[in-house]
C-alpha atoms as a PDB file:
ATOM      1  CA  UNK A   1     -38.517 -11.595  54.884  1.00  0.00           C
ATOM      2  CA  UNK A   2     -39.617 -15.181  54.475  1.00  0.00           C
ATOM      3  CA  UNK A   3     -41.374 -16.715  51.510  1.00  0.00           C
ATOM      4  CA  UNK A   4     -43.758 -19.611  51.507  1.00  0.00           C
ATOM      5  CA  UNK A   5     -44.418 -22.241  48.864  1.00  0.00           C
ATOM      6  CA  UNK A   6     -46.773 -20.773  46.298  1.00  0.00           C
ATOM      7  CA  UNK A   7     -45.890 -17.122  47.035  1.00  0.00           C
ATOM      8  CA  UNK A   8     -45.702 -14.833  44.007  1.00  0.00           C
ATOM      9  CA  UNK A   9     -42.678 -12.527  44.119  1.00  0.00           C
ATOM     10  CA  UNK A  10     -42.084  -9.465  41.912  1.00  0.00           C
ATOM     11  CA  UNK A  11     -38.430  -8.567  41.405  1.00  0.00           C
ATOM     12  CA  UNK A  12     -36.841  -5.369  40.122  1.00  0.00           C
ATOM     13  CA  UNK A  13     -33.190  -5.604  39.126  1.00  0.00           C
ATOM     14  CA  UNK A  14     -30.250  -3.978  37.356  1.00  0.00           C
ATOM     15  CA  UNK A  15     -27.552  -6.243  35.877  1.00  0.00           C
ATOM     16  CA  UNK A  16     -24.115  -4.634  35.563  1.00  0.00           C
ATOM     17  CA  UNK A  17     -20.791  -5.938  34.233  1.00  0.00           C
ATOM     18  CA  UNK A  18     -18.394  -5.631  37.163  1.00  0.00           C
ATOM     19  CA  UNK A  19     -15.249  -4.999  35.101  1.00  0.00           C
ATOM     20  CA  UNK A  20     -16.724  -2.311  32.831  1.00  0.00           C
ATOM     21  CA  UNK A  21     -19.581  -0.883  34.871  1.00  0.00           C
ATOM     22  CA  UNK A  22     -21.887  -1.355  31.874  1.00  0.00           C
ATOM     23  CA  UNK A  23     -25.588  -1.885  32.425  1.00  0.00           C
ATOM     24  CA  UNK A  24     -26.634  -4.935  30.382  1.00  0.00           C
ATOM     25  CA  UNK A  25     -30.165  -5.615  31.637  1.00  0.00           C
ATOM     26  CA  UNK A  26     -32.734  -3.943  33.873  1.00  0.00           C
ATOM     27  CA  UNK A  27     -36.405  -3.911  34.756  1.00  0.00           C
ATOM     28  CA  UNK A  28     -36.302  -0.081  34.859  1.00  0.00           C
ATOM     29  CA  UNK A  29     -37.345   1.460  31.520  1.00  0.00           C
ATOM     30  CA  UNK A  30     -35.878   4.872  32.390  1.00  0.00           C
ATOM     31  CA  UNK A  31     -32.450   3.354  33.159  1.00  0.00           C
ATOM     32  CA  UNK A  32     -32.583   1.281  29.974  1.00  0.00           C
ATOM     33  CA  UNK A  33     -33.265   4.399  27.898  1.00  0.00           C
ATOM     34  CA  UNK A  34     -30.559   6.407  29.684  1.00  0.00           C
ATOM     35  CA  UNK A  35     -27.916   3.707  29.152  1.00  0.00           C
ATOM     36  CA  UNK A  36     -28.873   3.003  25.546  1.00  0.00           C
ATOM     37  CA  UNK A  37     -30.118  -0.555  26.048  1.00  0.00           C
ATOM     38  CA  UNK A  38     -33.845   0.136  25.715  1.00  0.00           C
ATOM     39  CA  UNK A  39     -35.690  -2.443  23.632  1.00  0.00           C
ATOM     40  CA  UNK A  40     -39.320  -1.622  22.751  1.00  0.00           C
ATOM     41  CA  UNK A  41     -40.053  -5.359  22.508  1.00  0.00           C
ATOM     42  CA  UNK A  42     -39.178  -5.846  26.182  1.00  0.00           C
ATOM     43  CA  UNK A  43     -41.619  -5.444  29.047  1.00  0.00           C
ATOM     44  CA  UNK A  44     -40.170  -3.288  31.811  1.00  0.00           C
ATOM     45  CA  UNK A  45     -41.201  -3.435  35.454  1.00  0.00           C
ATOM     46  CA  UNK A  46     -41.152  -6.001  38.192  1.00  0.00           C
END
């Protein structure tokens, strides 16, 4: 997939700590709730 100058890209991600396997950030609200990192002030989604 190639991108061009001016393209708008939506990204979904999960950020894990390699050594501990802990989820520390995500765009997925369900995962955030499940792993206890949900923050109602955050906006979830791509």
